[in-house]
Amino acid sequence: MALSFENSEELPHFENTSFRVKGKIFATMNLKENRVCLKLNEIDQDVFCSFDKKIMWPVPHAWGKQGWTLAQLDLIHPDMLSDALQTAYATRLSKTKKKQ
């Protein structure tokens, strides 16, 4: 799903796989733990995490306060994952456009 977005690319990120747009990570995938980590803004993070804390939750501590959000792949509905990925992609893309 993450590679379906325009200009997205897959690259390694430590022991995980990262998905990037214009060099910025919008998601990482940890196959061992069967989850993804998404970069969301604060409002989107609150919306997605309010559905069910067993499915999506902020990364603990400072990373979570910056919008990094975990999603459990074996529990999340494909439509919700697609929406979350698209939101993370758009969030990162908008930040790269603002810097230009």
N, C-alpha and C. Protein backbone atom coordinates (compact mmCIF):
# COMPACT_ATOMS: atom_id res chain seq x y z
N MET A 1 0.82 -1.20 0.00
CA MET A 1 0.00 0.00 0.00
C MET A 1 0.86 1.27 0.00
N ALA A 2 1.90 1.27 0.84
CA ALA A 2 2.73 2.48 0.98
C ALA A 2 3.42 2.86 -0.32
N LEU A 3 3.73 1.88 -1.15
CA LEU A 3 4.42 2.17 -2.40
C LEU A 3 3.47 2.63 -3.50
N SER A 4 2.18 2.62 -3.24
CA SER A 4 1.22 3.07 -4.25
C SER A 4 1.15 4.60 -4.35
N PHE A 5 1.72 5.30 -3.39
CA PHE A 5 1.68 6.76 -3.40
C PHE A 5 2.79 7.32 -4.31
N GLU A 6 2.47 8.41 -4.96
CA GLU A 6 3.41 9.03 -5.90
C GLU A 6 4.73 9.39 -5.21
N ASN A 7 5.82 9.02 -5.84
CA ASN A 7 7.18 9.29 -5.38
C ASN A 7 7.55 8.60 -4.07
N SER A 8 6.77 7.62 -3.63
CA SER A 8 7.16 6.91 -2.42
C SER A 8 8.21 5.87 -2.76
N GLU A 9 9.08 5.60 -1.80
CA GLU A 9 10.14 4.62 -2.01
C GLU A 9 10.35 3.82 -0.75
N GLU A 10 10.87 2.62 -0.93
CA GLU A 10 11.14 1.71 0.18
C GLU A 10 12.65 1.62 0.38
N LEU A 11 13.08 1.87 1.61
CA LEU A 11 14.50 1.82 1.95
C LEU A 11 14.66 1.20 3.34
N PRO A 12 15.82 0.60 3.61
CA PRO A 12 16.03 0.07 4.96
C PRO A 12 16.15 1.20 5.99
N HIS A 13 15.74 0.89 7.20
CA HIS A 13 15.86 1.82 8.33
C HIS A 13 16.19 0.97 9.55
N PHE A 14 17.46 0.88 9.87
CA PHE A 14 17.96 -0.04 10.89
C PHE A 14 17.48 -1.44 10.54
N GLU A 15 16.78 -2.15 11.45
CA GLU A 15 16.33 -3.51 11.15
C GLU A 15 14.94 -3.52 10.52
N ASN A 16 14.36 -2.36 10.26
CA ASN A 16 13.01 -2.25 9.69
C ASN A 16 13.06 -1.80 8.23
N THR A 17 11.90 -1.79 7.62
CA THR A 17 11.72 -1.24 6.28
C THR A 17 11.06 0.11 6.44
N SER A 18 11.57 1.11 5.72
CA SER A 18 10.94 2.43 5.78
C SER A 18 10.33 2.78 4.44
N PHE A 19 9.30 3.62 4.50
CA PHE A 19 8.66 4.15 3.31
C PHE A 19 8.79 5.65 3.40
N ARG A 20 9.29 6.24 2.32
CA ARG A 20 9.65 7.66 2.34
C ARG A 20 9.06 8.39 1.15
N VAL A 21 8.88 9.68 1.34
CA VAL A 21 8.53 10.58 0.25
C VAL A 21 9.49 11.76 0.36
N LYS A 22 10.16 12.05 -0.74
CA LYS A 22 11.15 13.12 -0.80
C LYS A 22 12.16 13.02 0.34
N GLY A 23 12.57 11.79 0.66
CA GLY A 23 13.60 11.54 1.66
C GLY A 23 13.11 11.48 3.10
N LYS A 24 11.85 11.78 3.34
CA LYS A 24 11.30 11.79 4.71
C LYS A 24 10.46 10.54 4.95
N ILE A 25 10.69 9.90 6.08
CA ILE A 25 9.96 8.69 6.43
C ILE A 25 8.53 9.04 6.83
N PHE A 26 7.57 8.35 6.20
CA PHE A 26 6.18 8.49 6.63
C PHE A 26 5.68 7.21 7.30
N ALA A 27 6.40 6.10 7.12
CA ALA A 27 6.02 4.85 7.77
C ALA A 27 7.22 3.91 7.83
N THR A 28 7.25 3.08 8.85
CA THR A 28 8.21 1.99 8.92
C THR A 28 7.43 0.72 9.21
N MET A 29 7.98 -0.40 8.80
CA MET A 29 7.32 -1.69 9.03
C MET A 29 8.27 -2.61 9.76
N ASN A 30 7.78 -3.17 10.87
CA ASN A 30 8.52 -4.12 11.67
C ASN A 30 7.82 -5.47 11.52
N LEU A 31 8.34 -6.32 10.66
CA LEU A 31 7.72 -7.62 10.40
C LEU A 31 7.78 -8.54 11.61
N LYS A 32 8.85 -8.45 12.37
CA LYS A 32 9.01 -9.32 13.54
C LYS A 32 7.88 -9.08 14.55
N GLU A 33 7.50 -7.82 14.73
CA GLU A 33 6.45 -7.47 15.68
C GLU A 33 5.10 -7.28 15.00
N ASN A 34 5.06 -7.46 13.69
CA ASN A 34 3.83 -7.39 12.89
C ASN A 34 3.09 -6.05 13.08
N ARG A 35 3.87 -4.97 12.96
CA ARG A 35 3.25 -3.66 13.10
C ARG A 35 3.95 -2.62 12.22
N VAL A 36 3.26 -1.51 12.03
CA VAL A 36 3.82 -0.37 11.32
C VAL A 36 3.87 0.81 12.27
N CYS A 37 4.75 1.74 11.96
CA CYS A 37 4.85 2.99 12.69
C CYS A 37 4.62 4.11 11.67
N LEU A 38 3.70 4.99 11.97
CA LEU A 38 3.29 6.04 11.04
C LEU A 38 3.57 7.42 11.63
N LYS A 39 3.92 8.36 10.77
CA LYS A 39 4.14 9.75 11.20
C LYS A 39 2.86 10.53 10.93
N LEU A 40 2.15 10.88 12.01
CA LEU A 40 0.91 11.63 11.90
C LEU A 40 1.05 12.97 12.63
N ASN A 41 0.15 13.90 12.33
CA ASN A 41 0.14 15.11 13.14
C ASN A 41 -0.67 14.82 14.40
N GLU A 42 -0.67 15.71 15.35
CA GLU A 42 -1.29 15.47 16.66
C GLU A 42 -2.78 15.17 16.55
N ILE A 43 -3.49 15.92 15.72
CA ILE A 43 -4.94 15.73 15.58
C ILE A 43 -5.24 14.37 14.95
N ASP A 44 -4.56 14.04 13.87
CA ASP A 44 -4.79 12.75 13.22
C ASP A 44 -4.42 11.59 14.14
N GLN A 45 -3.35 11.74 14.90
CA GLN A 45 -2.96 10.71 15.85
C GLN A 45 -4.09 10.48 16.86
N ASP A 46 -4.66 11.56 17.40
CA ASP A 46 -5.76 11.43 18.35
C ASP A 46 -6.97 10.72 17.73
N VAL A 47 -7.29 11.07 16.50
CA VAL A 47 -8.45 10.47 15.83
C VAL A 47 -8.23 8.98 15.62
N PHE A 48 -7.10 8.59 15.05
CA PHE A 48 -6.85 7.17 14.77
C PHE A 48 -6.74 6.36 16.06
N CYS A 49 -6.08 6.91 17.06
CA CYS A 49 -5.88 6.17 18.31
C CYS A 49 -7.15 6.07 19.14
N SER A 50 -8.10 6.95 18.93
CA SER A 50 -9.34 6.92 19.72
C SER A 50 -10.22 5.73 19.35
N PHE A 51 -10.00 5.13 18.20
CA PHE A 51 -10.82 3.99 17.76
C PHE A 51 -10.63 2.78 18.67
N ASP A 52 -9.39 2.36 18.87
CA ASP A 52 -9.10 1.21 19.73
C ASP A 52 -7.60 1.21 20.02
N LYS A 53 -7.24 1.38 21.28
CA LYS A 53 -5.83 1.47 21.69
C LYS A 53 -5.07 0.16 21.48
N LYS A 54 -5.76 -0.95 21.23
CA LYS A 54 -5.08 -2.21 20.92
C LYS A 54 -4.68 -2.27 19.45
N ILE A 55 -5.32 -1.42 18.63
CA ILE A 55 -5.05 -1.40 17.19
C ILE A 55 -4.03 -0.32 16.85
N MET A 56 -4.23 0.89 17.35
CA MET A 56 -3.31 2.00 17.11
C MET A 56 -3.09 2.77 18.40
N TRP A 57 -1.81 3.13 18.63
CA TRP A 57 -1.46 3.86 19.84
C TRP A 57 -0.18 4.67 19.60
N PRO A 58 -0.03 5.79 20.31
CA PRO A 58 1.19 6.59 20.16
C PRO A 58 2.42 5.82 20.64
N VAL A 59 3.53 6.02 19.98
CA VAL A 59 4.80 5.48 20.46
C VAL A 59 5.05 6.11 21.83
N PRO A 60 5.52 5.36 22.80
CA PRO A 60 5.75 5.93 24.13
C PRO A 60 6.75 7.10 24.12
N HIS A 61 6.52 8.02 25.02
CA HIS A 61 7.44 9.13 25.32
C HIS A 61 7.52 10.15 24.19
N ALA A 62 8.68 10.72 23.97
CA ALA A 62 8.85 11.86 23.06
C ALA A 62 8.48 11.55 21.61
N TRP A 63 8.78 10.34 21.15
CA TRP A 63 8.46 10.01 19.76
C TRP A 63 6.96 10.09 19.52
N GLY A 64 6.18 9.60 20.45
CA GLY A 64 4.72 9.66 20.32
C GLY A 64 4.20 11.08 20.36
N LYS A 65 4.83 11.93 21.15
CA LYS A 65 4.43 13.34 21.21
C LYS A 65 4.73 14.07 19.91
N GLN A 66 5.63 13.50 19.10
CA GLN A 66 5.95 14.06 17.79
C GLN A 66 5.05 13.48 16.69
N GLY A 67 4.10 12.63 17.07
CA GLY A 67 3.15 12.09 16.10
C GLY A 67 3.41 10.66 15.66
N TRP A 68 4.50 10.07 16.09
CA TRP A 68 4.79 8.69 15.68
C TRP A 68 3.80 7.75 16.36
N THR A 69 3.13 6.93 15.55
CA THR A 69 2.00 6.13 15.98
C THR A 69 2.17 4.69 15.50
N LEU A 70 1.94 3.73 16.39
CA LEU A 70 2.05 2.31 16.04
C LEU A 70 0.69 1.73 15.68
N ALA A 71 0.69 0.80 14.72
CA ALA A 71 -0.53 0.09 14.32
C ALA A 71 -0.22 -1.39 14.24
N GLN A 72 -1.06 -2.19 14.86
CA GLN A 72 -0.90 -3.64 14.88
C GLN A 72 -1.52 -4.23 13.60
N LEU A 73 -0.69 -4.82 12.75
CA LEU A 73 -1.14 -5.26 11.43
C LEU A 73 -2.15 -6.39 11.47
N ASP A 74 -2.07 -7.27 12.46
CA ASP A 74 -3.02 -8.39 12.49
C ASP A 74 -4.38 -7.99 13.06
N LEU A 75 -4.52 -6.75 13.56
CA LEU A 75 -5.79 -6.30 14.12
C LEU A 75 -6.45 -5.19 13.30
N ILE A 76 -5.66 -4.43 12.57
CA ILE A 76 -6.20 -3.26 11.87
C ILE A 76 -6.93 -3.68 10.59
N HIS A 77 -8.07 -3.07 10.34
CA HIS A 77 -8.83 -3.31 9.11
C HIS A 77 -8.05 -2.70 7.94
N PRO A 78 -8.00 -3.37 6.80
CA PRO A 78 -7.24 -2.84 5.65
C PRO A 78 -7.64 -1.42 5.25
N ASP A 79 -8.92 -1.07 5.34
CA ASP A 79 -9.34 0.29 5.00
C ASP A 79 -8.78 1.32 5.97
N MET A 80 -8.75 0.96 7.25
CA MET A 80 -8.18 1.88 8.25
C MET A 80 -6.68 2.03 8.04
N LEU A 81 -5.99 0.93 7.73
CA LEU A 81 -4.56 1.00 7.45
C LEU A 81 -4.31 1.87 6.23
N SER A 82 -5.11 1.70 5.19
CA SER A 82 -4.96 2.51 3.99
C SER A 82 -5.15 4.00 4.31
N ASP A 83 -6.18 4.32 5.09
CA ASP A 83 -6.42 5.72 5.48
C ASP A 83 -5.26 6.28 6.30
N ALA A 84 -4.76 5.49 7.23
CA ALA A 84 -3.66 5.94 8.08
C ALA A 84 -2.39 6.15 7.27
N LEU A 85 -2.10 5.23 6.36
CA LEU A 85 -0.92 5.39 5.49
C LEU A 85 -1.05 6.63 4.62
N GLN A 86 -2.22 6.82 4.04
CA GLN A 86 -2.44 8.00 3.19
C GLN A 86 -2.29 9.29 3.99
N THR A 87 -2.78 9.28 5.22
CA THR A 87 -2.66 10.45 6.09
C THR A 87 -1.20 10.72 6.45
N ALA A 88 -0.46 9.67 6.78
CA ALA A 88 0.97 9.82 7.09
C ALA A 88 1.73 10.34 5.89
N TYR A 89 1.45 9.79 4.72
CA TYR A 89 2.10 10.24 3.48
C TYR A 89 1.81 11.73 3.25
N ALA A 90 0.54 12.11 3.35
CA ALA A 90 0.16 13.51 3.12
C ALA A 90 0.79 14.44 4.15
N THR A 91 0.88 13.98 5.39
CA THR A 91 1.51 14.78 6.45
C THR A 91 2.97 15.05 6.12
N ARG A 92 3.69 14.02 5.72
CA ARG A 92 5.11 14.20 5.38
C ARG A 92 5.28 15.02 4.12
N LEU A 93 4.43 14.78 3.13
CA LEU A 93 4.53 15.52 1.88
C LEU A 93 4.28 17.01 2.11
N SER A 94 3.32 17.35 2.95
CA SER A 94 3.03 18.74 3.22
C SER A 94 4.18 19.41 3.96
N LYS A 95 4.87 18.67 4.83
CA LYS A 95 6.01 19.25 5.55
C LYS A 95 7.18 19.49 4.61
N THR A 96 7.39 18.61 3.63
CA THR A 96 8.50 18.84 2.70
C THR A 96 8.19 20.01 1.77
N LYS A 97 6.91 20.21 1.42
CA LYS A 97 6.53 21.34 0.57
C LYS A 97 6.70 22.66 1.30
N LYS A 98 6.39 22.69 2.61
CA LYS A 98 6.53 23.92 3.40
C LYS A 98 7.98 24.36 3.48
N LYS A 99 8.91 23.41 3.54
CA LYS A 99 10.34 23.75 3.64
C LYS A 99 10.90 24.29 2.32
N GLN A 100 10.25 23.95 1.22
CA GLN A 100 10.73 24.41 -0.09
C GLN A 100 10.26 25.81 -0.28
